[in-house]
C-alpha cells in the first residue's frame, strides 16, 4: 500500500488524539500539528516508530500552516475553543485559523480536507461561538469548496468537558443546576394546583461518542465518495438537561439535588464565573444553551457513514465512577 500522509491540526486535543489513534491503526502516517510538540509526545506510541510525529504549528500563522500541510494527502482540522482568552478569540481560531488551513490545503493540492464545526453553527445566533462556527464553515468552503464538514453535538468520552464537568460539580456542590426557560409554572388539575419547577427539562442534547466522531473522520478519508459533504453527528438518544443531571447522579451515586435555574439567573452567574482563568460557565455558553443541541435532520449523519452510534449509558460507567462517593461504583441506568 502506498504511503499516506495526513496532517491533523489540534491532534493533542480530546477529539484529535482519538482521531490520531484511529488513523495510525489504519496505516496513515500522521503529522500531528500542535502548539506544543513536546507536550504532544504522548501521541507517538499510538503508532509504529516514526508513524506519528508532533509538529509545532499555530493555525493563526499562515506560514507555519503551509509548512505543516506540505506533501500531505489529507488534512484534518479539529481545533476549537469553548471560550475566548487573550489572542485566542473565536474569530482567530474558528474563522481565520480555519481559513488558513483551507487555503494552505488547496494550495498544496491536498485531496481531502476535513473541518470540524459544531451543531448549532448559525450566523444569526445570539452566541458568538455559534456565529464563529458558521463563519468558519463559510471561510473553509470559500478556500476549499470540496471540504468535508462535520457538525457534532456535544462529544463525550473519558476526557470530555461535558459529563466530566458535571461530575466535578457533583463532588463540589450539593446541588446540580438545570437551566430552564419554562419552569416555575403553576399547573392545576382535578387534584388541585402545584408548581412545575422544571417545565420541559431545559435544553436538549444529543451526545455523540468521541470514537464515533473519529470513525466518521477516518471513513471519509478512506472512501472518497463520502467526502465533500456536510454531516450532522448525534448519538442514539436525546436528553434534556434534567435527564443529563439525572444520568450524572446515577453514574456517580451522589444523588445531588436538582435545582431549576432560570436563564436570567444563569446569565447573572456567568457574568462572574467567566472572569475566572478557566471559566466553568460564560455568558456566551448560556446563550448557546437556549437552543437545543440536536441533529435537525435533512443532512447525512452517522447512519449514512455506516456507523452505529454508542449510547452514553454504555460508556459513562468507564469513567464517571471517578466522581463516585467513597469509591461507590454506580450502576448503568436501565
Protein backbone atom coordinates (compact mmCIF):
# COMPACT_ATOMS: atom_id res chain seq x y z
CA UNK A 1 0.00 0.00 0.00
CA UNK A 2 1.30 3.46 -0.91
CA UNK A 3 2.39 5.71 1.95
CA UNK A 4 -0.46 8.01 3.01
CA UNK A 5 0.34 11.19 4.92
CA UNK A 6 -2.26 13.16 6.88
CA UNK A 7 -1.81 16.39 8.83
CA UNK A 8 -4.05 16.72 11.89
CA UNK A 9 -4.41 20.18 13.40
CA UNK A 10 -5.40 20.00 17.06
CA UNK A 11 -4.03 16.45 17.29
CA UNK A 12 -3.36 16.57 21.03
CA UNK A 13 -6.90 17.64 21.97
CA UNK A 14 -9.78 15.50 23.18
CA UNK A 15 -11.09 14.70 19.69
CA UNK A 16 -7.73 14.98 17.96
CA UNK A 17 -5.97 12.27 19.96
CA UNK A 18 -8.76 9.80 19.20
CA UNK A 19 -8.58 10.67 15.51
CA UNK A 20 -4.79 10.15 15.54
CA UNK A 21 -5.17 6.72 17.15
CA UNK A 22 -7.70 5.66 14.50
CA UNK A 23 -5.60 6.98 11.64
CA UNK A 24 -2.47 5.21 12.87
CA UNK A 25 -4.42 1.95 13.17
CA UNK A 26 -5.45 2.38 9.51
CA UNK A 27 -1.84 2.77 8.42
CA UNK A 28 -1.73 6.53 7.91
CA UNK A 29 1.49 8.42 8.60
CA UNK A 30 0.33 11.20 10.91
CA UNK A 31 1.78 14.69 11.14
CA UNK A 32 0.36 15.97 14.43
CA UNK A 33 0.20 19.77 14.11
CA UNK A 34 0.03 21.27 17.61
CA UNK A 35 1.09 24.39 19.51
CA UNK A 36 3.36 22.44 21.87
CA UNK A 37 5.02 19.39 20.26
CA UNK A 38 6.81 18.45 23.49
CA UNK A 39 3.51 18.17 25.35
CA UNK A 40 2.17 16.10 22.44
CA UNK A 41 4.87 13.42 22.71
CA UNK A 42 2.23 11.10 24.19
CA UNK A 43 0.84 10.71 20.66
CA UNK A 44 3.90 8.86 19.35
CA UNK A 45 3.14 5.45 20.90
CA UNK A 46 -0.22 5.45 19.14
CA UNK A 47 1.59 4.23 16.01
CA UNK A 48 4.74 2.42 15.00
CA UNK A 49 8.12 4.11 15.36
CA UNK A 50 8.09 7.29 13.28
CA UNK A 51 4.45 6.90 12.24
CA UNK A 52 3.14 9.77 14.40
CA UNK A 53 5.23 12.95 14.52
CA UNK A 54 4.27 16.05 16.55
CA UNK A 55 4.96 19.31 14.72
CA UNK A 56 4.69 22.87 16.01
CA UNK A 57 2.08 24.82 14.05
CA UNK A 58 -0.04 27.75 15.23
CA UNK A 59 -3.09 27.87 12.94
CA UNK A 60 -3.10 31.68 13.10
CA UNK A 61 0.36 31.63 11.44
CA UNK A 62 -0.26 31.11 7.72
CA UNK A 63 3.39 30.26 7.01
CA UNK A 64 3.51 27.59 9.72
CA UNK A 65 0.26 26.12 8.41
CA UNK A 66 1.62 25.90 4.86
CA UNK A 67 4.70 24.05 6.12
CA UNK A 68 2.52 21.64 8.11
CA UNK A 69 0.36 20.62 5.13
CA UNK A 70 3.15 20.37 2.54
CA UNK A 71 3.11 16.95 0.92
CA UNK A 72 0.03 15.73 2.78
CA UNK A 73 -2.64 13.62 1.09
CA UNK A 74 -5.28 14.73 3.58
CA UNK A 75 -5.72 17.47 6.18
CA UNK A 76 -7.94 17.41 9.25
CA UNK A 77 -8.79 20.42 11.40
CA UNK A 78 -10.26 19.64 14.83
CA UNK A 79 -9.06 22.82 16.55
CA UNK A 80 -11.72 24.57 18.62
CA UNK A 81 -12.16 26.61 21.79
CA UNK A 82 -15.13 26.87 24.16
CA UNK A 83 -14.31 30.34 25.47
CA UNK A 84 -12.13 33.25 24.43
CA UNK A 85 -8.86 34.04 26.19
CA UNK A 86 -6.28 36.62 25.15
CA UNK A 87 -5.38 36.24 21.49
CA UNK A 88 -7.37 33.01 21.27
CA UNK A 89 -10.63 34.58 20.15
CA UNK A 90 -13.42 32.77 18.34
CA UNK A 91 -12.66 34.77 15.22
CA UNK A 92 -8.93 33.99 15.33
CA UNK A 93 -9.36 30.25 15.87
CA UNK A 94 -12.68 29.28 14.29
CA UNK A 95 -12.58 31.64 11.31
CA UNK A 96 -9.11 32.95 10.43
CA UNK A 97 -7.28 29.84 11.57
CA UNK A 98 -9.69 27.57 9.71
CA UNK A 99 -9.33 29.75 6.60
CA UNK A 100 -5.52 29.49 6.81
CA UNK A 101 -5.74 25.69 6.89
CA UNK A 102 -8.19 25.50 3.99
CA UNK A 103 -6.19 27.90 1.82
CA UNK A 104 -2.92 26.08 2.51
CA UNK A 105 -4.53 22.70 1.79
CA UNK A 106 -5.88 23.95 -1.54
CA UNK A 107 -2.55 25.50 -2.50
CA UNK A 108 -0.71 22.27 -1.63
CA UNK A 109 -3.04 20.16 -3.77
CA UNK A 110 -4.39 18.17 -0.84
CA UNK A 111 -7.01 15.66 -1.94
CA UNK A 112 -9.26 15.71 1.15
CA UNK A 113 -9.90 18.36 3.81
CA UNK A 114 -11.99 17.60 6.89
CA UNK A 115 -13.17 20.51 9.03
CA UNK A 116 -14.75 20.06 12.47
CA UNK A 117 -17.54 22.54 13.13
CA UNK A 118 -20.40 22.12 15.63
CA UNK A 119 -24.14 21.61 15.79
CA UNK A 120 -25.70 24.99 16.34
CA UNK A 121 -23.40 26.76 13.89
CA UNK A 122 -25.56 29.71 12.85
CA UNK A 123 -24.56 33.13 11.55
CA UNK A 124 -27.71 34.58 13.15
CA UNK A 125 -27.19 33.06 16.58
CA UNK A 126 -27.14 35.13 19.78
CA UNK A 127 -23.95 33.27 20.74
CA UNK A 128 -20.59 34.41 19.37
CA UNK A 129 -19.38 30.79 19.43
CA UNK A 130 -22.14 29.64 17.08
CA UNK A 131 -21.68 32.63 14.77
CA UNK A 132 -17.94 31.98 14.55
CA UNK A 133 -18.50 28.32 13.72
CA UNK A 134 -20.83 29.31 10.87
CA UNK A 135 -18.35 31.90 9.62
CA UNK A 136 -15.60 29.28 9.81
CA UNK A 137 -17.56 26.92 7.60
CA UNK A 138 -18.06 29.67 5.02
CA UNK A 139 -14.37 30.57 5.08
CA UNK A 140 -13.33 26.95 4.64
CA UNK A 141 -15.68 26.33 1.72
CA UNK A 142 -14.63 29.58 0.04
CA UNK A 143 -10.99 28.44 0.06
CA UNK A 144 -11.58 24.70 -0.41
CA UNK A 145 -15.04 24.10 -2.00
CA UNK A 146 -14.79 20.31 -1.70
CA UNK A 147 -14.15 20.25 2.05
CA UNK A 148 -15.99 17.79 4.29
CA UNK A 149 -17.62 19.44 7.30
CA UNK A 150 -18.73 17.68 10.47
CA UNK A 151 -21.15 19.23 12.95
CA UNK A 152 -21.16 17.09 16.10
CA UNK A 153 -23.40 17.58 19.11
CA UNK A 154 -21.62 17.62 22.48
CA UNK A 155 -18.89 14.97 22.30
CA UNK A 156 -18.44 12.63 25.23
CA UNK A 157 -15.69 10.24 26.30
CA UNK A 158 -13.20 9.75 29.16
CA UNK A 159 -11.56 13.16 28.68
CA UNK A 160 -14.65 15.17 27.72
CA UNK A 161 -15.55 18.60 29.05
CA UNK A 162 -19.24 17.78 29.37
CA UNK A 163 -20.03 14.87 31.68
CA UNK A 164 -16.73 15.36 33.48
CA UNK A 165 -17.63 18.97 34.21
CA UNK A 166 -20.90 17.96 35.84
CA UNK A 167 -19.17 15.09 37.62
CA UNK A 168 -16.69 17.51 39.20
CA UNK A 169 -19.57 19.79 40.13
CA UNK A 170 -21.31 16.89 41.87
CA UNK A 171 -18.24 16.47 44.05
CA UNK A 172 -18.05 20.14 44.99
CA UNK A 173 -21.72 21.08 45.25
CA UNK A 174 -24.78 19.58 46.99
CA UNK A 175 -26.92 20.63 44.01
CA UNK A 176 -26.84 20.33 40.23
CA UNK A 177 -28.40 23.09 38.09
CA UNK A 178 -30.98 22.63 35.37
CA UNK A 179 -31.29 25.71 33.16
CA UNK A 180 -34.91 26.28 32.24
CA UNK A 181 -36.95 28.76 30.26
CA UNK A 182 -40.37 27.32 31.08
CA UNK A 183 -40.14 26.23 34.71
CA UNK A 184 -41.84 27.59 37.84
CA UNK A 185 -45.26 27.47 36.19
CA UNK A 186 -48.48 26.71 38.08
CA UNK A 187 -50.21 23.54 36.97
CA UNK A 188 -53.79 22.89 38.01
CA UNK A 189 -55.85 19.76 37.71
CA UNK A 190 -58.58 17.82 39.44
CA UNK A 191 -56.34 17.17 42.42
CA UNK A 192 -55.51 20.84 42.89
CA UNK A 193 -52.63 23.07 41.84
CA UNK A 194 -48.87 22.66 42.00
CA UNK A 195 -45.74 24.29 40.60
CA UNK A 196 -43.97 22.72 37.63
CA UNK A 197 -40.38 23.59 38.55
CA UNK A 198 -38.55 22.16 35.54
CA UNK A 199 -41.01 22.59 32.66
CA UNK A 200 -39.69 20.72 29.63
CA UNK A 201 -36.45 19.93 31.48
CA UNK A 202 -34.22 22.56 29.94
CA UNK A 203 -32.17 22.48 26.72
CA UNK A 204 -31.88 19.19 24.83
CA UNK A 205 -28.61 17.49 23.89
CA UNK A 206 -27.73 14.53 21.66
CA UNK A 207 -24.28 13.48 22.94
CA UNK A 208 -22.09 11.65 20.44
CA UNK A 209 -19.18 9.42 21.45
CA UNK A 210 -15.69 10.63 20.55
CA UNK A 211 -14.92 7.25 18.98
CA UNK A 212 -17.88 7.62 16.61
CA UNK A 213 -16.69 11.09 15.60
CA UNK A 214 -13.18 9.77 14.92
CA UNK A 215 -14.59 6.83 12.97
CA UNK A 216 -16.56 9.26 10.80
CA UNK A 217 -13.42 11.26 10.03
CA UNK A 218 -11.44 8.19 9.02
CA UNK A 219 -14.35 6.86 6.95
CA UNK A 220 -14.47 9.89 4.65
CA UNK A 221 -10.71 9.68 4.14
CA UNK A 222 -10.90 6.04 3.11
CA UNK A 223 -14.00 6.39 0.90
CA UNK A 224 -13.79 9.40 -1.41
CA UNK A 225 -17.47 9.13 -2.39
CA UNK A 226 -18.38 10.14 1.16
CA UNK A 227 -16.21 13.26 1.16
CA UNK A 228 -17.29 16.78 0.25
CA UNK A 229 -20.50 16.80 2.30
CA UNK A 230 -21.80 18.41 5.48
CA UNK A 231 -22.60 15.83 8.18
CA UNK A 232 -24.53 16.29 11.42
CA UNK A 233 -23.35 13.87 14.10
CA UNK A 234 -25.51 12.91 17.06
CA UNK A 235 -25.79 9.96 19.40
CA UNK A 236 -28.68 7.46 19.54
CA UNK A 237 -30.65 9.34 22.21
CA UNK A 238 -31.68 12.89 23.08
CA UNK A 239 -31.57 14.08 26.68
CA UNK A 240 -32.98 17.16 28.36
CA UNK A 241 -30.59 18.93 30.72
CA UNK A 242 -32.59 17.48 33.60
CA UNK A 243 -32.07 13.97 32.21
CA UNK A 244 -28.34 14.70 31.83
CA UNK A 245 -28.14 15.63 35.51
CA UNK A 246 -30.12 12.54 36.48
CA UNK A 247 -27.61 10.50 34.48
CA UNK A 248 -24.73 12.15 36.34
CA UNK A 249 -26.43 11.33 39.65
CA UNK A 250 -26.92 7.72 38.59
CA UNK A 251 -23.33 7.25 37.45
CA UNK A 252 -21.70 8.91 40.46
CA UNK A 253 -24.08 7.61 43.10
CA UNK A 254 -24.12 11.03 44.72
CA UNK A 255 -27.81 11.83 44.14
CA UNK A 256 -27.38 15.58 44.27
CA UNK A 257 -30.48 17.74 44.44
CA UNK A 258 -31.52 19.07 41.03
CA UNK A 259 -32.34 22.78 41.13
CA UNK A 260 -34.15 24.62 38.30
CA UNK A 261 -32.28 27.75 37.26
CA UNK A 262 -33.95 30.34 35.01
CA UNK A 263 -31.73 31.55 32.18
CA UNK A 264 -31.73 35.05 33.65
CA UNK A 265 -30.09 33.83 36.86
CA UNK A 266 -27.73 31.59 34.88
CA UNK A 267 -26.64 34.64 32.88
CA UNK A 268 -26.01 36.59 36.09
CA UNK A 269 -23.86 33.77 37.49
CA UNK A 270 -21.93 33.50 34.23
CA UNK A 271 -21.12 37.23 34.41
CA UNK A 272 -18.87 36.48 37.38
CA UNK A 273 -17.76 32.93 36.54
CA UNK A 274 -16.42 33.93 33.13
CA UNK A 275 -13.80 36.12 34.83
CA UNK A 276 -12.02 33.01 36.17
CA UNK A 277 -8.86 31.82 34.32
CA UNK A 278 -10.65 28.63 33.24
CA UNK A 279 -14.33 29.61 33.45
CA UNK A 280 -16.84 26.84 34.24
CA UNK A 281 -19.55 28.94 32.57
CA UNK A 282 -19.66 32.00 30.34
CA UNK A 283 -22.49 34.23 29.18
CA UNK A 284 -21.91 33.03 25.63
CA UNK A 285 -22.34 29.41 26.73
CA UNK A 286 -25.62 30.30 28.42
CA UNK A 287 -26.80 31.86 25.17
CA UNK A 288 -25.80 28.66 23.34
CA UNK A 289 -27.89 26.55 25.70
CA UNK A 290 -31.04 28.46 24.83
CA UNK A 291 -31.05 26.43 21.59
CA UNK A 292 -31.36 22.62 21.59
CA UNK A 293 -28.13 20.90 20.56
CA UNK A 294 -29.63 18.10 18.46
CA UNK A 295 -29.49 16.81 14.91
CA UNK A 296 -32.16 18.62 12.89
CA UNK A 297 -32.40 16.15 10.04
CA UNK A 298 -32.16 16.73 6.32
CA UNK A 299 -28.38 16.21 6.30
CA UNK A 300 -26.40 12.97 6.31
CA UNK A 301 -25.05 11.66 9.60
CA UNK A 302 -23.55 8.57 11.21
CA UNK A 303 -26.12 6.27 9.59
CA UNK A 304 -25.08 7.35 6.10
CA UNK A 305 -21.46 6.62 7.09
CA UNK A 306 -22.41 3.13 8.23
CA UNK A 307 -21.64 3.89 11.88
CA UNK A 308 -23.91 2.70 14.70
CA UNK A 309 -23.64 5.31 17.48
CA UNK A 310 -22.67 4.33 21.01
CA UNK A 311 -25.05 5.31 23.80
CA UNK A 312 -23.79 7.38 26.71
CA UNK A 313 -25.05 4.78 29.22
CA UNK A 314 -22.67 2.21 27.71
CA UNK A 315 -19.57 4.35 28.25
CA UNK A 316 -20.17 6.56 31.28
CA UNK A 317 -19.56 3.76 33.82
CA UNK A 318 -16.00 3.53 32.48
CA UNK A 319 -15.06 6.99 33.72
CA UNK A 320 -17.76 8.66 35.78
CA UNK A 321 -17.05 6.40 38.76
CA UNK A 322 -14.05 8.64 39.46
CA UNK A 323 -16.58 11.02 40.99
CA UNK A 324 -18.39 8.34 42.98
CA UNK A 325 -18.82 8.89 46.72
CA UNK A 326 -16.16 6.96 48.67
CA UNK A 327 -15.46 4.67 45.78
CA UNK A 328 -19.05 3.53 45.28
CA UNK A 329 -19.44 2.18 41.76
CA UNK A 330 -22.59 3.47 40.09
CA UNK A 331 -24.69 1.06 38.07
CA UNK A 332 -25.70 1.92 34.47
CA UNK A 333 -29.20 3.29 34.05
CA UNK A 334 -31.77 0.83 32.78
